[in-house]
Amino acid sequence: MTLDFSTPAHYLVALLPELVLSLWGMVVLLAGVWKKEEEGRPSADDLGTLSLVGLLLAAGANGWLYTAGSTGGHGMVTVDEFRLFANWIFLVAAFLSISISFTYVFRQRLQAAETYSLMLFAVVGMMLMGGSHNLILIFLALELMSVAVYALAAINRRDRRSAEAGLKYFLLGAFSSGFFLYGIALIYGATGTVDVLQIQRVVIQGEAVAGLLFGGIALLAVGFAFKVAAVPFHMWTPDVYEGAPTPVTAFMATGVKAAAFVAFLRVFLVAFDAVYETWYSVFWWLAAVTMVAANLMALVQSNVKRMLAYSSIAHGGYLLVALVAANETASAALLFYLLVYALMNIGAFAVVVSVARQGEERLQIEDYAGLGWQKPALGVFLTVFLLSLAGFPGTGGFMGKIFLLQGAVDSELWVLAVVLVMATLISYWYYLRVAWYMWMKEAPEAEAHAGVMTSMPMKVALVTAVGLVLFLGLFPSVGLGVAERSVAALFEAAGTMGRVIP
């Protein structure tokens, strides 16, 4: 079946994964209050399991869309392999984040129904961001995702840090939304349309009003920069990541970042490809400054959760290199890296949750002393994730960085490629420092890690994440091949094959 949007049914089919998750989010929310108090309401584990079932159903719908054919870019939401690959990233991030949260939600007495339904609704926003050709719909999807994440950051009402994180993230989101919406208004004034492919056509034909167009591009770039936490637009992002509940932090650092980058790539490499020279140098400096500054700030962190927050910002800098390179190799590397990043980052946060005993207390690097010997499985898992985040050979993180470097070299971005390599070398210090504490430092007492807990869903998530990180490190062509076909479909629909800068 080929979707042509000639009937309402085709719209429903194109939005099938989003519809499934939207309905399931409401089911989870209602399930949390369905029974009377004396009858016993569903537990956090029950609601978490129900949410995972919804994600699996959405994954099935996403897989089925591969058989539905491409829309060829018609309509406000497109069905192409680029969108479907991005959906896998969002679903993986949500599935792993919920899997590591079961015991945490119970012990911290969070509202399980609200927590899980908000995650599902946030994924709906992510999917719409990644699959839309319409700037207004991208903005609405951005707001749907953001409002859900604001609430998730502040979901622990008993923790002052969580409330602070929610407020700070709301203020950051307000700035981002203001810039983004005003940018859309200027783009519409310059081109007379908010459709990405139509904007591309107007720009190529030279019919756009230059002043409004360039102003709109600048404001859109600022809005996206806030969402990907690029320096200097990161501001309170480390505070938010540190204060939010750890499973929520894992979800924000992976899913939200992935959605922003996917929409970032679709808008700038399609709509504004013809005026690449006007934004190339700005993004070059943005990528370089983000990689260097974030890694330097991560060096001095003693709080592991905050260190991972700065690490997340640094990885955003690596991904910005793909946007600067603006070719098919770099774009495929961006999708591949986002998938690997979701696996290794959520895996690392899962171990943080366990070491913190399903709370927010044992977060200092000293608390990891002797973990590798007292809890060898967790020690090995965290070591693999840290090595992958650092870009150690044999891991998915290493291959992701290699592909990003290849994309930069194809566009002859030699200096930026060197900056990426040097920033990666800097990151080795703070990643390996945690591993050194786990394996080389003695625990302060024989039962220092006796209270570390991992639920069965968390164990499954950890094993799955480690397995995929190592598999994609040893056999990267499997993931990269799918990413390359996805990017090729995007550029083919847009009538452009990327750009190689001499």
Protein backbone atom coordinates (compact mmCIF):
# COMPACT_ATOMS: atom_id res chain seq x y z
CA MET A 1 0.00 0.00 0.00
CA THR A 2 1.30 3.45 -0.92
CA LEU A 3 0.17 6.37 1.20
CA ASP A 4 -1.03 9.34 -0.85
CA PHE A 5 -3.22 11.08 1.76
CA SER A 6 -6.20 10.96 -0.59
CA THR A 7 -8.37 9.61 2.22
CA PRO A 8 -8.46 10.20 5.98
CA ALA A 9 -7.56 6.53 6.49
CA HIS A 10 -4.12 7.18 5.01
CA TYR A 11 -3.51 9.91 7.57
CA LEU A 12 -4.41 7.49 10.36
CA VAL A 13 -2.11 4.82 8.94
CA ALA A 14 0.77 7.29 8.65
CA LEU A 15 0.30 8.24 12.30
CA LEU A 16 -0.24 4.69 13.55
CA PRO A 17 2.71 4.54 16.03
CA GLU A 18 1.77 7.93 17.48
CA LEU A 19 -1.90 6.94 17.76
CA VAL A 20 -1.02 3.68 19.51
CA LEU A 21 1.16 5.46 22.07
CA SER A 22 -1.36 8.26 22.62
CA LEU A 23 -4.15 5.81 23.36
CA TRP A 24 -1.88 3.64 25.47
CA GLY A 25 -0.73 6.63 27.49
CA MET A 26 -4.36 7.29 28.39
CA VAL A 27 -4.85 3.62 29.24
CA VAL A 28 -1.87 3.71 31.64
CA LEU A 29 -3.14 6.91 33.23
CA LEU A 30 -6.64 5.49 33.76
CA ALA A 31 -5.25 2.18 35.02
CA GLY A 32 -3.52 4.04 37.84
CA VAL A 33 -6.84 5.23 39.27
CA TRP A 34 -9.17 2.50 38.06
CA LYS A 35 -9.59 0.55 41.28
CA LYS A 36 -10.76 1.83 44.63
CA GLU A 37 -8.24 2.21 47.42
CA GLU A 38 -9.57 -0.75 49.38
CA GLU A 39 -9.36 -3.00 46.32
CA GLY A 40 -5.71 -2.20 45.77
CA ARG A 41 -4.56 -0.13 42.81
CA PRO A 42 -2.05 -1.44 40.25
CA SER A 43 1.53 -1.34 41.51
CA ALA A 44 4.37 0.59 39.91
CA ASP A 45 5.61 -2.69 38.41
CA ASP A 46 2.21 -3.40 36.87
CA LEU A 47 1.96 0.06 35.32
CA GLY A 48 5.57 -0.08 34.13
CA THR A 49 4.94 -3.43 32.48
CA LEU A 50 1.77 -2.06 30.89
CA SER A 51 3.78 0.87 29.50
CA LEU A 52 6.39 -1.48 28.03
CA VAL A 53 3.60 -3.39 26.29
CA GLY A 54 2.43 -0.12 24.73
CA LEU A 55 5.94 0.59 23.47
CA LEU A 56 6.12 -2.89 21.94
CA LEU A 57 2.80 -2.31 20.18
CA ALA A 58 4.07 1.02 18.84
CA ALA A 59 7.24 -0.73 17.69
CA GLY A 60 5.10 -3.24 15.83
CA ALA A 61 3.18 -0.41 14.16
CA ASN A 62 6.45 1.30 13.24
CA GLY A 63 7.77 -1.91 11.70
CA TRP A 64 4.53 -2.39 9.76
CA LEU A 65 4.91 1.07 8.21
CA TYR A 66 7.95 -0.20 6.28
CA THR A 67 5.46 -2.18 4.19
CA ALA A 68 3.17 0.81 3.63
CA GLY A 69 5.43 2.56 1.13
CA SER A 70 6.73 6.11 1.19
CA THR A 71 4.63 9.22 1.03
CA GLY A 72 7.35 10.89 -1.01
CA GLY A 73 7.32 13.86 1.34
CA HIS A 74 3.66 14.74 0.81
CA GLY A 75 1.55 15.77 3.76
CA MET A 76 2.46 17.32 7.10
CA VAL A 77 3.81 13.99 8.36
CA THR A 78 5.90 11.88 6.04
CA VAL A 79 6.46 8.15 6.02
CA ASP A 80 10.04 7.51 5.01
CA GLU A 81 12.83 5.33 6.33
CA PHE A 82 14.48 8.33 7.99
CA ARG A 83 11.44 8.90 10.19
CA LEU A 84 11.03 5.19 10.93
CA PHE A 85 14.69 4.78 11.95
CA ALA A 86 14.37 7.81 14.25
CA ASN A 87 11.27 6.23 15.79
CA TRP A 88 13.34 3.16 16.73
CA ILE A 89 15.72 5.41 18.64
CA PHE A 90 12.89 7.06 20.58
CA LEU A 91 11.25 3.72 21.37
CA VAL A 92 14.54 2.19 22.54
CA ALA A 93 15.24 5.20 24.77
CA ALA A 94 11.77 5.05 26.33
CA PHE A 95 11.80 1.26 26.72
CA LEU A 96 15.15 1.23 28.51
CA SER A 97 14.32 4.28 30.64
CA ILE A 98 11.08 2.70 31.88
CA SER A 99 12.80 -0.66 32.43
CA ILE A 100 15.38 0.85 34.79
CA SER A 101 12.76 2.83 36.73
CA PHE A 102 10.54 0.13 38.28
CA THR A 103 12.18 -0.07 41.71
CA TYR A 104 13.10 3.62 41.70
CA VAL A 105 9.49 4.72 41.18
CA PHE A 106 8.31 2.41 43.97
CA ARG A 107 10.96 3.38 46.53
CA GLN A 108 10.67 7.11 45.84
CA ARG A 109 6.86 6.88 45.95
CA LEU A 110 6.42 8.62 42.63
CA GLN A 111 3.06 8.69 40.88
CA ALA A 112 3.68 5.68 38.64
CA ALA A 113 0.72 6.20 36.30
CA GLU A 114 1.57 9.85 35.71
CA THR A 115 5.29 9.12 35.29
CA TYR A 116 4.85 6.40 32.69
CA SER A 117 2.04 8.07 30.77
CA LEU A 118 4.07 11.28 30.53
CA MET A 119 6.96 9.30 29.09
CA LEU A 120 4.67 7.80 26.47
CA PHE A 121 3.23 11.20 25.55
CA ALA A 122 6.75 12.62 25.32
CA VAL A 123 7.65 9.88 22.84
CA VAL A 124 4.61 10.86 20.75
CA GLY A 125 6.03 14.39 20.55
CA MET A 126 9.45 13.03 19.62
CA MET A 127 8.00 10.94 16.81
CA LEU A 128 6.06 13.88 15.39
CA MET A 129 9.18 16.07 15.56
CA GLY A 130 11.20 13.52 13.64
CA GLY A 131 8.57 12.81 10.99
CA SER A 132 7.07 16.19 10.19
CA HIS A 133 7.73 18.35 7.13
CA ASN A 134 5.78 21.26 8.59
CA LEU A 135 7.45 23.79 10.90
CA ILE A 136 4.23 24.50 12.80
CA LEU A 137 3.70 20.79 13.48
CA ILE A 138 7.35 20.47 14.53
CA PHE A 139 6.76 23.29 17.01
CA LEU A 140 3.59 21.67 18.38
CA ALA A 141 5.41 18.35 18.70
CA LEU A 142 8.27 20.13 20.45
CA GLU A 143 5.82 21.60 22.95
CA LEU A 144 4.09 18.25 23.50
CA MET A 145 7.43 16.64 24.27
CA SER A 146 8.65 19.56 26.37
CA VAL A 147 5.55 19.92 28.56
CA ALA A 148 5.68 16.21 29.37
CA VAL A 149 9.38 16.41 30.24
CA TYR A 150 8.87 19.55 32.39
CA ALA A 151 6.44 17.56 34.52
CA LEU A 152 8.72 14.52 34.60
CA ALA A 153 11.68 16.59 35.82
CA ALA A 154 9.57 17.83 38.77
CA ILE A 155 7.64 14.59 39.33
CA ASN A 156 9.26 13.92 42.73
CA ARG A 157 7.35 16.42 44.85
CA ARG A 158 9.21 15.34 48.01
CA ASP A 159 12.57 16.44 46.63
CA ARG A 160 13.41 20.13 46.42
CA ARG A 161 16.04 19.42 43.75
CA SER A 162 13.42 17.86 41.50
CA ALA A 163 11.15 20.91 41.81
CA GLU A 164 14.12 23.15 41.02
CA ALA A 165 14.97 21.03 37.98
CA GLY A 166 11.42 21.28 36.68
CA LEU A 167 11.35 25.07 37.06
CA LYS A 168 14.75 25.54 35.41
CA TYR A 169 13.86 23.23 32.53
CA PHE A 170 10.60 25.10 32.05
CA LEU A 171 12.46 28.42 31.81
CA LEU A 172 14.96 26.92 29.35
CA GLY A 173 12.08 25.54 27.30
CA ALA A 174 10.34 28.91 27.30
CA PHE A 175 13.44 30.54 25.83
CA SER A 176 13.77 27.77 23.26
CA SER A 177 10.10 27.94 22.23
CA GLY A 178 10.17 31.73 21.92
CA PHE A 179 13.17 31.73 19.61
CA PHE A 180 11.83 28.80 17.62
CA LEU A 181 8.35 30.23 17.08
CA TYR A 182 9.61 33.67 16.13
CA GLY A 183 12.02 32.00 13.71
CA ILE A 184 9.10 30.16 12.08
CA ALA A 185 7.25 33.47 11.73
CA LEU A 186 10.21 35.06 9.93
CA ILE A 187 10.66 32.00 7.69
CA TYR A 188 7.00 32.19 6.75
CA GLY A 189 7.34 35.89 6.02
CA ALA A 190 10.37 35.21 3.81
CA THR A 191 9.00 32.24 1.86
CA GLY A 192 5.20 32.28 2.27
CA THR A 193 5.15 28.69 3.53
CA VAL A 194 6.02 26.57 6.57
CA ASP A 195 6.44 23.32 4.61
CA VAL A 196 10.07 22.20 4.61
CA LEU A 197 10.10 21.05 0.98
CA GLN A 198 8.31 24.18 -0.21
CA ILE A 199 10.78 26.35 1.71
CA GLN A 200 13.59 24.48 -0.04
CA ARG A 201 12.05 25.18 -3.45
CA VAL A 202 11.53 28.90 -2.73
CA VAL A 203 15.09 29.27 -1.42
CA ILE A 204 16.64 27.47 -4.39
CA GLN A 205 14.71 29.64 -6.84
CA GLY A 206 15.90 32.79 -5.08
CA GLU A 207 12.37 33.97 -4.30
CA ALA A 208 12.84 34.27 -0.52
CA VAL A 209 13.24 37.64 1.20
CA ALA A 210 16.89 37.45 2.25
CA GLY A 211 16.72 39.54 5.43
CA LEU A 212 13.74 37.67 6.87
CA LEU A 213 15.12 34.31 5.76
CA PHE A 214 18.50 34.72 7.43
CA GLY A 215 16.91 36.13 10.58
CA GLY A 216 14.55 33.17 10.72
CA ILE A 217 17.38 30.69 10.21
CA ALA A 218 19.32 32.30 13.06
CA LEU A 219 16.37 32.11 15.46
CA LEU A 220 15.57 28.51 14.50
CA ALA A 221 19.21 27.60 15.10
CA VAL A 222 19.08 29.17 18.58
CA GLY A 223 15.88 27.28 19.39
CA PHE A 224 17.41 23.98 18.34
CA ALA A 225 20.69 24.82 20.15
CA PHE A 226 18.77 25.15 23.42
CA LYS A 227 17.19 21.72 22.90
CA VAL A 228 20.47 19.96 22.10
CA ALA A 229 22.15 21.84 25.01
CA ALA A 230 24.93 23.28 22.85
CA VAL A 231 27.37 25.61 24.59
CA PRO A 232 26.66 28.44 25.45
CA PHE A 233 22.94 27.59 25.34
CA HIS A 234 23.32 24.75 27.87
CA MET A 235 22.99 27.11 30.90
CA TRP A 236 20.94 25.17 33.48
CA THR A 237 21.00 21.83 31.67
CA PRO A 238 23.51 20.20 34.09
CA ASP A 239 21.40 21.43 37.04
CA VAL A 240 18.27 19.95 35.46
CA TYR A 241 19.95 16.61 34.76
CA GLU A 242 21.32 16.47 38.30
CA GLY A 243 18.05 17.41 40.03
CA ALA A 244 15.59 15.34 38.02
CA PRO A 245 14.90 11.71 39.01
CA THR A 246 17.72 9.64 37.51
CA PRO A 247 15.56 7.50 35.15
CA VAL A 248 14.01 10.73 33.87
CA THR A 249 17.48 12.21 33.39
CA ALA A 250 18.43 9.18 31.29
CA PHE A 251 15.29 9.67 29.21
CA MET A 252 15.91 13.40 28.72
CA ALA A 253 19.59 13.01 27.87
CA THR A 254 18.82 10.49 25.13
CA GLY A 255 15.26 10.82 23.80
CA VAL A 256 14.95 14.61 23.90
CA LYS A 257 18.41 15.08 22.40
CA ALA A 258 17.69 12.54 19.66
CA ALA A 259 14.38 14.19 18.71
CA ALA A 260 16.00 17.63 18.56
CA PHE A 261 18.86 16.42 16.36
CA VAL A 262 16.59 14.50 13.99
CA ALA A 263 14.37 17.56 13.45
CA PHE A 264 17.50 19.78 13.30
CA LEU A 265 18.91 17.66 10.48
CA ARG A 266 15.66 17.45 8.51
CA VAL A 267 15.05 21.20 8.64
CA PHE A 268 18.54 22.49 7.94
CA LEU A 269 19.81 19.90 5.48
CA VAL A 270 16.60 20.00 3.45
CA ALA A 271 15.00 23.45 3.75
CA PHE A 272 18.22 25.47 4.04
CA ASP A 273 20.67 23.35 2.09
CA ALA A 274 20.91 25.97 -0.68
CA VAL A 275 22.09 28.64 1.80
CA TYR A 276 24.52 26.34 3.61
CA GLU A 277 27.28 28.94 3.51
CA THR A 278 25.27 31.34 5.68
CA TRP A 279 25.02 28.96 8.65
CA TYR A 280 28.04 26.69 8.16
CA SER A 281 30.58 28.81 10.06
CA VAL A 282 28.23 29.42 13.00
CA PHE A 283 27.60 25.70 13.43
CA TRP A 284 31.33 25.00 13.05
CA TRP A 285 32.15 27.16 16.05
CA LEU A 286 29.12 25.89 17.96
CA ALA A 287 30.32 22.29 17.53
CA ALA A 288 33.93 23.09 18.43
CA VAL A 289 33.10 25.15 21.52
CA THR A 290 30.57 22.58 22.75
CA MET A 291 33.00 19.67 22.44
CA VAL A 292 35.88 21.44 24.18
CA ALA A 293 34.01 23.39 26.88
CA ALA A 294 31.73 20.54 27.96
CA ASN A 295 34.60 18.07 28.28
CA LEU A 296 36.70 20.54 30.26
CA MET A 297 33.80 21.20 32.65
CA ALA A 298 33.21 17.46 33.05
CA LEU A 299 36.83 17.02 34.19
CA VAL A 300 36.25 18.79 37.50
CA GLN A 301 32.97 17.10 38.47
CA SER A 302 32.96 14.87 41.54
CA ASN A 303 29.25 14.02 41.23
CA VAL A 304 28.87 11.16 38.75
CA LYS A 305 25.39 12.21 37.67
CA ARG A 306 26.56 15.76 36.98
CA MET A 307 29.60 14.43 35.16
CA LEU A 308 27.32 12.42 32.87
CA ALA A 309 25.27 15.59 32.32
CA TYR A 310 28.31 17.46 30.99
CA SER A 311 29.23 14.33 29.06
CA SER A 312 25.81 14.50 27.38
CA ILE A 313 26.50 18.08 26.33
CA ALA A 314 29.86 17.04 24.89
CA HIS A 315 28.23 14.29 22.85
CA GLY A 316 25.86 16.92 21.48
CA GLY A 317 28.97 18.69 20.20
CA TYR A 318 30.13 15.52 18.45
CA LEU A 319 26.73 15.22 16.78
CA LEU A 320 26.86 18.85 15.65
CA VAL A 321 29.89 17.87 13.56
CA ALA A 322 27.52 15.79 11.42
CA LEU A 323 25.34 18.84 10.76
CA VAL A 324 28.38 20.91 9.82
CA ALA A 325 29.62 18.20 7.44
CA ALA A 326 26.16 18.06 5.81
CA ASN A 327 26.71 14.96 3.70
CA GLU A 328 25.14 11.51 3.58
CA THR A 329 27.98 9.82 5.44
CA ALA A 330 27.80 12.28 8.34
CA SER A 331 23.99 12.17 8.45
CA ALA A 332 23.96 8.37 8.60
CA ALA A 333 26.65 8.55 11.30
CA LEU A 334 24.39 10.90 13.29
CA LEU A 335 21.53 8.37 13.27
CA PHE A 336 23.89 5.50 14.14
CA TYR A 337 25.50 7.49 16.96
CA LEU A 338 22.14 8.53 18.41
CA LEU A 339 21.13 4.86 18.65
CA VAL A 340 24.41 3.81 20.28
CA TYR A 341 24.33 6.85 22.56
CA ALA A 342 20.87 5.93 23.83
CA LEU A 343 22.06 2.42 24.69
CA MET A 344 25.31 3.34 26.45
CA ASN A 345 24.03 6.44 28.24
CA ILE A 346 20.88 4.85 29.66
CA GLY A 347 22.98 1.84 30.62
CA ALA A 348 25.36 4.08 32.55
CA PHE A 349 22.47 5.82 34.32
CA ALA A 350 21.00 2.42 35.19
CA VAL A 351 24.15 1.58 37.15
CA VAL A 352 24.01 5.03 38.77
CA VAL A 353 20.44 4.28 39.92
CA SER A 354 21.58 0.96 41.36
CA VAL A 355 24.61 2.35 43.20
CA ALA A 356 22.43 5.15 44.60
CA ARG A 357 20.17 2.39 46.00
CA GLN A 358 17.23 3.54 43.90
CA GLY A 359 17.51 7.08 45.26
CA GLU A 360 19.49 10.29 44.89
CA GLU A 361 22.10 9.96 47.60
CA ARG A 362 25.24 7.95 46.72
CA LEU A 363 26.25 9.97 43.66
CA GLN A 364 29.84 10.97 44.46
CA ILE A 365 32.67 9.28 42.63
CA GLU A 366 34.04 8.03 45.96
CA ASP A 367 30.86 6.00 46.38
CA TYR A 368 32.02 3.77 43.49
CA ALA A 369 35.19 2.62 45.27
CA GLY A 370 35.38 -1.18 45.23
CA LEU A 371 32.12 -1.61 43.27
CA GLY A 372 33.81 -3.78 40.66
CA TRP A 373 34.90 -6.36 43.26
CA GLN A 374 31.79 -6.36 45.43
CA LYS A 375 29.34 -6.22 42.49
CA PRO A 376 31.36 -7.54 39.53
CA ALA A 377 28.44 -7.66 37.07
CA LEU A 378 27.56 -4.00 37.63
CA GLY A 379 31.25 -3.09 37.54
CA VAL A 380 31.74 -4.79 34.18
CA PHE A 381 28.56 -3.26 32.75
CA LEU A 382 29.48 0.28 33.80
CA THR A 383 33.03 -0.17 32.52
CA VAL A 384 31.74 -1.17 29.09
CA PHE A 385 29.38 1.80 28.99
CA LEU A 386 32.11 4.23 30.08
CA LEU A 387 34.56 2.86 27.51
CA SER A 388 31.89 3.20 24.81
CA LEU A 389 31.09 6.77 25.86
CA ALA A 390 34.81 7.54 25.71
CA GLY A 391 35.11 5.95 22.28
CA PHE A 392 37.24 2.91 23.11
CA PRO A 393 37.85 0.45 20.20
CA GLY A 394 35.53 -2.53 20.13
CA THR A 395 32.48 -0.58 21.30
CA GLY A 396 29.61 1.08 19.47
CA GLY A 397 30.70 4.49 20.73
CA PHE A 398 34.08 4.09 19.02
CA MET A 399 32.51 3.18 15.67
CA GLY A 400 30.05 6.07 15.99
CA LYS A 401 32.91 8.54 16.41
CA ILE A 402 34.79 6.93 13.50
CA PHE A 403 31.78 7.42 11.23
CA LEU A 404 31.38 11.04 12.39
CA LEU A 405 35.07 11.63 11.62
CA GLN A 406 34.65 10.03 8.22
CA GLY A 407 31.77 12.40 7.47
CA ALA A 408 33.88 15.37 8.56
CA VAL A 409 36.81 14.22 6.42
CA ASP A 410 34.53 13.77 3.39
CA SER A 411 33.67 17.46 3.72
CA GLU A 412 37.35 18.31 4.37
CA LEU A 413 36.64 19.66 7.85
CA TRP A 414 40.16 18.82 8.99
CA VAL A 415 40.37 21.22 11.92
CA LEU A 416 36.97 20.21 13.29
CA ALA A 417 37.95 16.54 12.98
CA VAL A 418 41.10 17.22 15.01
CA VAL A 419 39.04 19.06 17.65
CA LEU A 420 36.72 16.04 17.90
CA VAL A 421 39.66 13.69 18.41
CA MET A 422 41.30 15.94 21.02
CA ALA A 423 38.00 16.41 22.88
CA THR A 424 37.55 12.64 22.91
CA LEU A 425 41.01 12.21 24.43
CA ILE A 426 40.12 14.71 27.16
CA SER A 427 36.98 12.70 27.97
CA TYR A 428 39.06 9.59 28.65
CA TRP A 429 40.21 11.13 31.92
CA TYR A 430 36.84 11.52 33.60
CA TYR A 431 35.35 8.30 32.20
CA LEU A 432 38.31 6.15 33.19
CA ARG A 433 38.52 7.85 36.59
CA VAL A 434 35.18 6.25 37.52
CA ALA A 435 36.43 2.87 36.27
CA TRP A 436 39.63 3.34 38.28
CA TYR A 437 37.64 3.93 41.46
CA MET A 438 35.57 0.81 40.80
CA TRP A 439 38.48 -1.54 40.24
CA MET A 440 41.58 0.06 41.82
CA LYS A 441 40.24 1.71 44.99
CA GLU A 442 39.26 -0.38 47.96
CA ALA A 443 35.77 -0.05 49.34
CA PRO A 444 35.67 1.85 52.65
CA GLU A 445 34.02 -1.17 54.28
CA ALA A 446 33.33 -4.79 53.45
CA GLU A 447 29.60 -4.26 52.90
CA ALA A 448 29.79 -0.82 51.26
CA HIS A 449 27.68 -1.93 48.29
CA ALA A 450 25.42 -4.39 50.07
CA GLY A 451 22.36 -2.20 49.48
CA VAL A 452 22.81 -2.01 45.69
CA MET A 453 19.63 -3.31 44.04
CA THR A 454 18.74 -4.27 40.50
CA SER A 455 15.26 -5.40 39.52
CA MET A 456 14.67 -8.02 36.85
CA PRO A 457 13.58 -5.43 34.22
CA MET A 458 16.77 -3.45 34.97
CA LYS A 459 18.90 -6.57 34.59
CA VAL A 460 17.29 -7.29 31.23
CA ALA A 461 17.85 -3.66 30.16
CA LEU A 462 21.51 -3.77 31.22
CA VAL A 463 22.23 -7.04 29.44
CA THR A 464 20.44 -5.84 26.31
CA ALA A 465 22.24 -2.50 26.27
CA VAL A 466 25.69 -4.07 26.84
CA GLY A 467 25.05 -6.70 24.20
CA LEU A 468 23.97 -4.16 21.58
CA VAL A 469 26.82 -1.75 22.37
CA LEU A 470 29.37 -4.53 21.87
CA PHE A 471 27.53 -5.95 18.84
CA LEU A 472 27.41 -2.56 17.09
CA GLY A 473 31.07 -2.08 17.96
CA LEU A 474 32.09 -5.38 16.37
CA PHE A 475 29.55 -5.42 13.51
CA PRO A 476 28.75 -1.75 12.87
CA SER A 477 27.71 -2.28 9.25
CA VAL A 478 24.41 -3.75 10.45
CA GLY A 479 23.25 -0.52 12.07
CA LEU A 480 25.07 1.83 9.71
CA GLY A 481 23.61 0.15 6.64
CA VAL A 482 20.06 0.80 7.84
CA ALA A 483 21.02 4.38 8.78
CA GLU A 484 22.51 4.99 5.32
CA ARG A 485 19.36 3.77 3.59
CA SER A 486 17.27 5.97 5.88
CA VAL A 487 19.31 9.09 5.08
CA ALA A 488 19.34 8.28 1.36
CA ALA A 489 15.52 8.15 1.44
CA LEU A 490 15.43 11.58 3.11
CA PHE A 491 17.73 13.22 0.57
CA GLU A 492 16.08 11.47 -2.36
CA ALA A 493 12.65 12.79 -1.33
CA ALA A 494 14.14 16.26 -0.88
CA GLY A 495 15.92 16.20 -4.22
CA THR A 496 19.36 16.69 -2.66
CA MET A 497 22.19 14.31 -1.96
CA GLY A 498 23.90 16.27 0.79
CA ARG A 499 26.88 18.55 0.37
CA VAL A 500 30.63 18.16 0.31
CA ILE A 501 32.44 21.43 1.10
CA PRO A 502 35.79 21.95 -0.66
